Protein backbone atom coordinates (compact mmCIF):
# COMPACT_ATOMS: atom_id res chain seq x y z
CA MET A 1 131.06 145.99 46.50
CA ASN A 2 130.22 146.58 49.88
CA GLN A 3 130.05 150.39 49.16
CA ASP A 4 127.03 149.72 46.93
CA ILE A 5 124.97 147.97 49.83
CA PRO A 6 122.95 150.26 51.64
CA PRO A 7 124.29 150.98 55.28
CA SER A 8 120.90 149.71 56.77
CA GLN A 9 121.59 146.55 54.94
CA ARG A 10 125.23 146.29 55.92
CA HIS A 11 124.17 146.65 59.70
CA LYS A 12 121.57 143.85 59.49
CA SER A 13 124.08 141.70 58.14
CA TYR A 14 126.61 142.44 60.75
CA GLU A 15 124.26 141.90 63.51
CA LYS A 16 123.14 138.52 62.05
CA GLN A 17 126.84 137.51 62.02
CA LYS A 18 127.46 138.77 65.49
CA ALA A 19 124.27 136.86 66.75
CA LYS A 20 125.49 133.57 65.21
CA VAL A 21 129.05 133.85 66.69
CA HIS A 22 127.57 134.59 70.23
CA CYS A 23 125.18 131.66 69.74
CA ILE A 24 128.02 129.15 69.05
CA PHE A 25 130.07 130.28 72.10
CA ALA A 26 127.13 130.02 74.20
CA ASN A 27 126.24 126.46 73.13
CA ARG A 28 129.94 125.56 73.96
CA ALA A 29 129.77 127.18 77.25
CA ILE A 30 126.67 125.28 77.81
CA GLY A 31 127.97 122.04 76.60
CA ALA A 32 131.03 122.40 79.10
CA GLU A 33 128.57 123.14 81.89
CA ASN A 34 126.37 120.12 81.18
CA ALA A 35 129.72 117.99 81.07
CA THR A 36 130.42 119.09 84.57
CA VAL A 37 126.86 118.28 85.79
CA ASP A 38 126.86 114.82 84.10
CA GLN A 39 130.30 114.06 85.88
CA GLN A 40 128.83 115.31 89.19
CA LEU A 41 125.78 113.25 89.03
CA SER A 42 127.92 110.13 87.97
CA ALA A 43 129.92 110.53 90.93
CA LYS A 44 127.10 110.92 93.18
CA LEU A 45 125.32 107.98 91.79
CA GLU A 46 128.81 105.98 92.41
CA SER A 47 128.86 107.45 95.94
CA GLU A 48 125.18 106.07 96.69
CA LEU A 49 125.98 102.86 95.22
CA GLN A 50 129.14 102.29 97.47
CA ILE A 51 127.24 103.43 100.59
CA GLU A 52 124.31 101.05 99.88
CA LYS A 53 126.62 98.19 99.06
CA GLU A 54 128.60 98.77 102.45
CA THR A 55 125.33 98.89 104.48
CA ARG A 56 123.98 95.76 103.42
CA ASP A 57 124.64 92.85 100.94
CA SER A 58 121.84 92.56 98.52
CA ASP A 59 123.53 89.74 96.41
CA THR A 60 123.10 87.12 99.04
CA LEU A 61 119.73 86.11 100.78
CA PRO A 62 119.89 86.84 104.45
CA ALA A 63 119.77 83.43 106.43
CA ASP A 64 116.26 84.15 107.70
CA ILE A 65 114.87 84.50 104.26
CA LYS A 66 116.87 81.60 103.01
CA ASP A 67 115.72 79.21 105.59
CA TYR A 68 112.08 79.95 105.22
CA LEU A 69 112.46 79.23 101.29
CA ASP A 70 114.30 75.98 102.09
CA ASN A 71 111.74 74.88 104.58
CA SER A 72 108.50 76.11 102.90
CA PRO A 73 106.13 74.46 100.61
CA PHE A 74 105.85 77.70 98.52
CA GLN A 75 107.96 78.35 95.32
CA LEU A 76 109.35 81.80 94.83
CA GLU A 77 108.65 83.65 91.49
CA ASP A 78 110.61 86.93 91.48
CA VAL A 79 111.58 88.59 88.12
CA PRO A 80 114.52 91.06 88.59
CA GLY A 81 113.30 94.53 87.80
CA HIS A 82 109.76 94.09 88.68
CA GLU A 83 107.85 95.05 91.82
CA GLU A 84 105.52 92.06 92.15
CA VAL A 85 106.58 88.86 93.78
CA ALA A 86 104.51 85.49 93.76
CA LEU A 87 104.61 82.26 95.88
CA THR A 88 103.03 79.20 94.67
CA ARG A 89 102.10 75.96 95.90
CA LYS A 90 100.06 72.83 95.54
CA PHE A 91 97.74 71.85 98.39
CA GLY A 92 95.82 68.64 97.36
CA ASP A 93 93.88 69.42 94.28
CA GLU A 94 94.35 73.22 94.69
CA SER A 95 96.67 75.53 93.06
CA ILE A 96 97.57 78.40 95.58
CA ARG A 97 99.17 81.59 94.39
CA ILE A 98 100.25 84.65 96.90
CA THR A 99 101.27 88.05 95.26
CA PHE A 100 102.61 90.85 97.13
CA SER A 101 104.69 94.03 95.83
CA THR A 102 107.82 96.05 96.94
CA ASP A 103 105.65 99.04 96.35
CA ASP A 104 104.03 98.72 99.87
CA LEU A 105 107.39 99.78 101.32
CA ASN A 106 107.40 102.87 99.46
CA ASN A 107 103.84 103.67 100.03
CA VAL A 108 104.56 103.56 103.86
CA ASP A 109 107.44 105.91 103.41
CA GLN A 110 105.37 108.38 101.64
CA GLU A 111 102.29 107.93 104.21
CA ALA A 112 104.79 108.64 106.96
CA ASP A 113 106.02 111.78 105.29
CA GLU A 114 102.47 113.02 104.83
CA PHE A 115 101.43 112.16 108.30
CA ASP A 116 104.30 113.90 110.03
CA SER A 117 103.62 117.04 107.86
CA ASP A 118 100.04 117.32 108.78
CA PRO A 119 99.65 120.13 111.33
CA ALA A 120 95.93 119.86 111.59
CA LEU A 121 96.51 116.25 113.56
CA SER A 122 96.28 116.67 117.51
CA ASP A 123 98.07 114.09 119.36
CA ASP A 124 94.94 112.13 120.30
CA GLU A 125 93.97 111.97 116.54
CA ALA A 126 97.61 110.97 115.59
CA ALA A 127 97.27 108.13 118.13
CA GLU A 128 93.99 107.11 116.99
CA ALA A 129 95.00 107.03 113.29
CA ALA A 130 97.93 104.98 114.09
CA GLU A 131 95.90 102.54 116.04
CA THR A 132 93.32 102.43 113.13
CA ASN A 133 96.18 101.54 110.66
CA VAL A 134 97.07 98.33 112.38
CA GLN A 135 93.58 97.05 112.96
CA SER A 136 91.56 94.99 110.60
CA GLY A 137 88.10 93.73 110.47
CA GLY A 138 87.15 90.14 111.48
CA ALA A 139 88.01 88.16 114.67
CA ASN A 140 90.93 90.47 115.60
CA THR A 141 88.49 93.31 116.33
CA LYS A 142 85.75 91.38 117.93
CA GLY A 143 87.47 90.02 121.08
CA ALA A 144 88.02 86.58 119.73
CA ILE A 145 91.20 85.87 121.78
CA ASN A 146 92.63 82.15 121.98
CA GLN A 147 89.65 80.99 119.99
CA GLY A 148 90.69 77.91 117.93
CA ARG A 149 94.29 79.21 117.81
CA THR A 150 96.26 76.81 115.55
CA LYS A 151 100.04 76.70 115.09
CA GLY A 152 99.76 79.74 112.59
CA GLY A 153 98.63 82.03 115.19
CA ASN A 154 96.81 84.51 113.05
CA PHE A 155 95.02 86.13 116.11
CA ALA A 156 95.99 89.15 117.86
CA VAL A 157 96.67 88.12 121.39
CA ALA A 158 97.24 90.46 124.44
CA PRO A 159 100.37 89.77 126.69
CA GLU A 160 97.99 88.45 129.46
CA ASP A 161 96.38 86.18 127.07
CA SER A 162 99.31 84.52 125.33
CA ILE A 163 99.68 80.73 125.36
CA ALA A 164 102.17 79.20 127.67
CA PRO A 165 105.03 77.62 125.67
CA SER A 166 104.55 74.23 127.19
CA ASP A 167 100.69 74.59 125.41
CA ARG A 168 102.12 75.10 122.00
CA ALA A 169 102.15 72.46 119.39
CA GLU A 170 105.44 71.03 118.44
CA GLY A 171 106.97 72.69 115.47
CA SER A 172 104.93 75.79 116.07
CA TYR A 173 106.63 79.36 115.41
CA GLU A 174 108.47 80.40 118.41
CA GLU A 175 107.67 83.77 119.67
CA PRO A 176 110.63 86.18 120.40
CA SER A 177 111.61 86.20 123.81
CA SER A 178 110.57 89.38 126.11
CA GLY A 179 114.06 90.94 125.85
CA GLN A 180 114.05 90.64 121.88
CA GLU A 181 110.38 91.87 121.79
CA GLY A 182 111.14 95.22 123.12
CA ASN A 183 113.91 95.77 120.64
CA GLN A 184 111.92 94.87 117.55
CA GLU A 185 110.03 97.54 115.43
CA PRO A 186 106.69 97.13 114.22
CA SER A 187 106.93 95.98 110.65
CA PHE A 188 105.21 97.69 107.67
CA PRO A 189 101.80 96.44 106.33
CA SER A 190 102.07 94.15 103.20
CA ARG A 191 99.06 93.49 101.02
CA LEU A 192 98.62 90.02 99.94
CA HIS A 193 96.49 88.88 97.14
CA ILE A 194 95.58 84.94 97.59
CA ASN A 195 93.99 82.84 94.75
CA ILE A 196 93.13 79.27 95.72
CA GLU A 197 91.96 77.55 92.71
CA LYS A 198 90.21 74.09 92.13
CA ALA A 199 90.13 72.75 88.66
CA GLY A 200 86.83 73.26 87.14
CA ARG A 201 85.43 74.79 90.50
CA GLY A 202 86.56 78.34 90.38
CA VAL A 203 88.72 80.60 92.64
CA LEU A 204 88.49 81.73 96.04
CA GLN A 205 90.38 85.01 96.20
CA LEU A 206 91.43 86.56 99.56
CA GLU A 207 92.94 90.12 99.94
CA ALA A 208 94.83 90.26 103.30
CA MET A 209 97.47 92.27 105.19
CA ALA A 210 100.57 90.75 106.65
CA GLN A 211 102.04 92.81 109.55
CA ASP A 212 103.74 91.87 113.04
CA GLY A 213 103.38 88.20 112.49
CA GLU A 214 99.63 88.27 111.70
CA ILE A 215 97.79 87.71 108.37
CA MET A 216 94.55 89.76 108.56
CA ILE A 217 91.96 88.90 105.94
CA GLU A 218 90.25 92.08 104.68
CA ASN A 219 87.95 90.50 101.87
CA VAL A 220 87.04 87.14 100.40
CA TYR A 221 85.64 86.88 96.79
CA TYR A 222 84.64 83.81 94.69
CA TYR A 223 84.59 83.57 90.98
CA LYS A 224 83.24 80.73 88.82
CA LYS A 225 85.68 81.50 86.05
CA PRO A 226 89.24 81.62 87.31
CA GLU A 227 90.27 84.21 84.53
CA LEU A 228 87.94 86.91 86.38
CA ALA A 229 90.11 86.57 89.59
CA ASP A 230 92.91 88.67 87.93
CA ALA A 231 91.31 90.29 85.09
CA LYS A 232 94.18 91.13 82.73
CA THR A 233 91.63 92.81 80.05
CA ALA A 234 89.34 95.62 79.99
CA GLU A 235 86.75 93.10 78.93
CA LEU A 236 87.37 90.71 81.74
CA ASP A 237 87.53 93.44 84.26
CA TRP A 238 84.11 94.92 83.12
CA SER A 239 82.56 91.44 83.21
CA ARG A 240 83.19 90.97 86.80
CA ARG A 241 82.22 94.56 88.07
CA ASN A 242 78.67 93.45 88.39
CA LEU A 243 79.28 90.09 89.74
CA TYR A 244 78.23 89.57 93.54
CA THR A 245 81.33 88.18 95.13
CA GLY A 246 80.83 88.16 98.80
CA PRO A 247 80.26 90.60 101.66
CA PRO A 248 83.30 92.47 103.50
CA PHE A 249 84.97 90.10 105.64
CA GLY A 250 84.14 92.25 108.83
CA ASN A 251 80.53 91.61 108.28
CA LEU A 252 80.62 87.85 108.44
CA ASP A 253 79.78 85.81 111.41
CA GLU A 254 82.52 85.66 113.93
CA ASP A 255 82.84 82.08 113.98
CA LEU A 256 82.93 82.06 110.05
CA GLN A 257 85.86 84.43 110.36
CA ILE A 258 87.74 82.32 112.51
CA LEU A 259 87.27 79.24 110.35
CA LEU A 260 88.40 81.17 107.22
CA ASP A 261 91.45 82.12 109.23
CA ARG A 262 92.23 78.40 109.89
CA TYR A 263 91.48 77.63 106.42
CA ILE A 264 94.39 79.69 105.21
CA GLU A 265 96.52 78.89 108.03
CA GLU A 266 96.10 75.09 107.10
CA ARG A 267 97.46 76.04 103.82
CA GLY A 268 100.76 77.67 105.19
CA ILE A 269 99.18 81.15 104.97
CA ASP A 270 100.40 81.91 108.74
CA THR A 271 102.57 83.62 111.20
CA ALA A 272 105.84 82.57 109.65
CA LEU A 273 104.73 83.84 106.32
CA ALA A 274 103.58 87.02 107.64
CA LEU A 275 107.11 87.53 109.39
CA TRP A 276 108.74 86.65 106.33
CA ILE A 277 107.15 88.56 103.55
CA PRO A 278 108.01 92.28 105.01
CA GLU A 279 111.46 90.93 105.26
CA TYR A 280 111.74 89.89 101.66
CA ILE A 281 110.15 93.09 100.51
CA ASP A 282 112.81 94.94 102.35
CA TRP A 283 115.70 92.77 100.80
CA LYS A 284 114.16 92.95 97.28
CA GLU A 285 113.59 96.76 97.25
CA GLN A 286 117.25 97.19 98.35
CA LYS A 287 118.39 95.01 95.55
CA GLU A 288 116.12 96.70 92.98
CA TYR A 289 117.31 100.22 94.18
CA LEU A 290 120.97 99.09 93.78
CA SER A 291 120.16 98.06 90.08
CA TRP A 292 118.17 101.33 89.54
CA LEU A 293 121.39 103.34 90.66
CA SER A 294 123.60 101.41 88.39
CA ASN A 295 121.51 101.62 85.33
CA VAL A 296 121.02 105.31 85.81
CA LYS A 297 124.75 105.84 86.29
CA SER A 298 125.42 103.74 83.11
CA PHE A 299 122.85 105.83 81.17
CA VAL A 300 124.54 109.29 82.32
CA GLU A 301 127.97 107.94 81.45
CA ALA A 302 126.98 106.67 78.01
């Protein structure tokens, strides 16, 4: 029967069979190679997990973090797998909510890489940029040193202007000794969103930065409708865009800035909180990273 098929047709049929067999063997080879890569990836993920676990115990809260929570009026809201963390408390007839994110730690790492790889920056420019990153508008940049300082200590104080220990109020935050201070690295900046709500009176919202034991207010907004403070829909976001919510904090009268600093300190938004937040972000990011490694490993091995 094959003799009745023209040679050209027999050749095409042979080529098709040959291509099919080649494809089968190629797919098997690729499958074997992928299995090897999967195993290597799984082993690498397991190695990373073990290294991270040996470096730091992320299952147990460090003593400093736990001590603050045990003695603080704030309640912690932390959902595993989420970046955002919240602290809440009641202060008289006020409901206070502070939110911050572990993403700030990742942003610092990315900015540092971009900064180090920028050849256009001279040494002077680099120093100026670094100084700018840690400064804030308001009393800290207008020479308001030791004016109205309370136990929260939110003002930047030069060493020669620091308050003597005997002058500090009882129970105030204890500054690190000179020997310890030299060994401490500057903390990364953590952005805070602070909502202070009074029933039927609206919300006072503050954007601030926590770094190196200081809370630096950047903006203060007022909303008559509480739902506009954290607009969760496009309609609410659009509604608040045309509202006048207040000037930049640095444009306010210096005494007004100082009083707003005192206002939040009185509500527990102070040095102790400014020191605690970066520590908690660092701990939570490590915990979430371990969870991520474990989830990816489980997926690869499935």
